[in-house]
N, C-alpha and C. Protein backbone atom coordinates (compact mmCIF):
# COMPACT_ATOMS: atom_id res chain seq x y z
N MET A 1 0.57 -21.94 -35.73
CA MET A 1 0.56 -20.77 -34.88
C MET A 1 2.02 -20.36 -34.61
N ASP A 2 2.35 -19.13 -34.96
CA ASP A 2 3.72 -18.69 -34.72
C ASP A 2 3.89 -18.20 -33.28
N SER A 3 5.11 -17.86 -32.93
CA SER A 3 5.41 -17.49 -31.54
C SER A 3 4.69 -16.22 -31.11
N ASN A 4 4.49 -15.29 -32.03
CA ASN A 4 3.77 -14.06 -31.71
C ASN A 4 2.32 -14.36 -31.33
N GLU A 5 1.68 -15.22 -32.07
CA GLU A 5 0.30 -15.60 -31.78
C GLU A 5 0.21 -16.35 -30.46
N LYS A 6 1.20 -17.20 -30.18
CA LYS A 6 1.23 -17.92 -28.91
C LYS A 6 1.35 -16.94 -27.74
N LEU A 7 2.22 -15.97 -27.92
CA LEU A 7 2.42 -14.96 -26.88
C LEU A 7 1.14 -14.18 -26.63
N ILE A 8 0.48 -13.76 -27.68
CA ILE A 8 -0.78 -13.03 -27.55
C ILE A 8 -1.82 -13.88 -26.83
N LYS A 9 -1.88 -15.15 -27.16
CA LYS A 9 -2.83 -16.06 -26.51
C LYS A 9 -2.55 -16.17 -25.01
N ILE A 10 -1.28 -16.28 -24.65
CA ILE A 10 -0.90 -16.36 -23.23
C ILE A 10 -1.25 -15.06 -22.51
N ILE A 11 -0.94 -13.94 -23.14
CA ILE A 11 -1.24 -12.63 -22.54
C ILE A 11 -2.73 -12.48 -22.30
N LYS A 12 -3.54 -12.84 -23.27
CA LYS A 12 -5.00 -12.73 -23.13
C LYS A 12 -5.51 -13.63 -22.02
N LYS A 13 -4.93 -14.83 -21.90
CA LYS A 13 -5.33 -15.76 -20.86
C LYS A 13 -5.09 -15.16 -19.47
N TYR A 14 -3.89 -14.62 -19.25
CA TYR A 14 -3.56 -14.04 -17.96
C TYR A 14 -4.32 -12.74 -17.72
N ARG A 15 -4.54 -11.97 -18.77
CA ARG A 15 -5.31 -10.73 -18.64
C ARG A 15 -6.73 -11.04 -18.19
N ASP A 16 -7.35 -12.04 -18.80
CA ASP A 16 -8.71 -12.42 -18.44
C ASP A 16 -8.79 -12.93 -17.00
N ALA A 17 -7.80 -13.73 -16.60
CA ALA A 17 -7.78 -14.25 -15.23
C ALA A 17 -7.60 -13.12 -14.23
N PHE A 18 -6.72 -12.18 -14.55
CA PHE A 18 -6.48 -11.04 -13.68
C PHE A 18 -7.72 -10.16 -13.58
N GLN A 19 -8.38 -9.92 -14.69
CA GLN A 19 -9.60 -9.12 -14.69
C GLN A 19 -10.68 -9.78 -13.84
N LYS A 20 -10.78 -11.09 -13.90
CA LYS A 20 -11.75 -11.81 -13.09
C LYS A 20 -11.45 -11.62 -11.60
N LYS A 21 -10.17 -11.70 -11.22
CA LYS A 21 -9.79 -11.52 -9.83
C LYS A 21 -10.10 -10.09 -9.36
N ILE A 22 -9.90 -9.13 -10.23
CA ILE A 22 -10.22 -7.74 -9.89
C ILE A 22 -11.71 -7.59 -9.62
N GLU A 23 -12.53 -8.14 -10.48
CA GLU A 23 -13.98 -8.05 -10.31
C GLU A 23 -14.42 -8.75 -9.03
N GLU A 24 -13.82 -9.91 -8.73
CA GLU A 24 -14.16 -10.62 -7.49
C GLU A 24 -13.80 -9.78 -6.27
N ARG A 25 -12.63 -9.14 -6.31
CA ARG A 25 -12.19 -8.33 -5.18
C ARG A 25 -13.07 -7.10 -5.02
N LYS A 26 -13.51 -6.51 -6.12
CA LYS A 26 -14.42 -5.36 -6.03
C LYS A 26 -15.69 -5.75 -5.30
N LEU A 27 -16.23 -6.93 -5.61
CA LEU A 27 -17.43 -7.40 -4.92
C LEU A 27 -17.16 -7.64 -3.45
N GLU A 28 -16.00 -8.21 -3.12
CA GLU A 28 -15.63 -8.42 -1.72
C GLU A 28 -15.54 -7.09 -0.98
N MET A 29 -14.95 -6.09 -1.64
CA MET A 29 -14.76 -4.79 -1.01
C MET A 29 -16.08 -4.11 -0.71
N GLU A 30 -17.10 -4.35 -1.51
CA GLU A 30 -18.41 -3.78 -1.25
C GLU A 30 -19.00 -4.32 0.05
N CYS A 31 -18.59 -5.52 0.44
CA CYS A 31 -19.11 -6.16 1.65
C CYS A 31 -18.17 -5.99 2.84
N ASP A 32 -17.00 -5.39 2.63
CA ASP A 32 -16.03 -5.23 3.71
C ASP A 32 -16.62 -4.39 4.84
N ASN A 33 -16.19 -4.70 6.04
CA ASN A 33 -16.59 -3.95 7.22
C ASN A 33 -15.65 -2.76 7.37
N ASN A 34 -16.20 -1.56 7.25
CA ASN A 34 -15.40 -0.34 7.34
C ASN A 34 -15.68 0.44 8.61
N GLU A 35 -16.22 -0.21 9.62
CA GLU A 35 -16.57 0.48 10.85
C GLU A 35 -15.36 1.10 11.54
N HIS A 36 -14.19 0.54 11.33
CA HIS A 36 -13.00 1.08 11.98
C HIS A 36 -12.73 2.52 11.53
N TYR A 37 -13.17 2.89 10.35
CA TYR A 37 -12.99 4.27 9.90
C TYR A 37 -13.82 5.25 10.73
N VAL A 38 -14.97 4.81 11.21
CA VAL A 38 -15.79 5.65 12.08
C VAL A 38 -15.02 5.92 13.37
N ILE A 39 -14.40 4.90 13.92
CA ILE A 39 -13.61 5.06 15.15
C ILE A 39 -12.45 6.01 14.90
N TYR A 40 -11.77 5.86 13.77
CA TYR A 40 -10.67 6.75 13.44
C TYR A 40 -11.14 8.21 13.39
N ASN A 41 -12.32 8.43 12.80
CA ASN A 41 -12.87 9.79 12.73
C ASN A 41 -13.14 10.34 14.11
N VAL A 42 -13.74 9.54 14.97
CA VAL A 42 -14.05 9.97 16.33
C VAL A 42 -12.76 10.33 17.07
N LEU A 43 -11.72 9.57 16.85
CA LEU A 43 -10.44 9.83 17.51
C LEU A 43 -9.65 10.96 16.86
N GLY A 44 -10.16 11.47 15.75
CA GLY A 44 -9.49 12.57 15.07
C GLY A 44 -8.36 12.13 14.16
N ILE A 45 -8.33 10.86 13.86
CA ILE A 45 -7.30 10.33 12.97
C ILE A 45 -7.83 10.44 11.54
N THR A 46 -7.06 11.10 10.69
CA THR A 46 -7.50 11.31 9.31
C THR A 46 -6.74 10.40 8.36
N ASP A 47 -7.11 10.45 7.12
CA ASP A 47 -6.45 9.65 6.09
C ASP A 47 -4.99 10.05 5.88
N THR A 48 -4.61 11.22 6.35
CA THR A 48 -3.23 11.66 6.14
C THR A 48 -2.24 10.82 6.94
N PHE A 49 -2.73 10.11 7.95
CA PHE A 49 -1.85 9.25 8.74
C PHE A 49 -1.60 7.91 8.06
N PHE A 50 -2.39 7.57 7.07
CA PHE A 50 -2.27 6.26 6.44
C PHE A 50 -1.47 6.37 5.21
């Protein structure tokens, strides 16, 4: 295995690990509590402040 193949193997390994973390976070975000946004709306605070 030459250095180019080794590099590609390393890149794929980290890409796959990163993709897994992204998918896990997406699932977490679906369960996140977003009730504070309701309070912001009631107070008249919009997304432009963030």
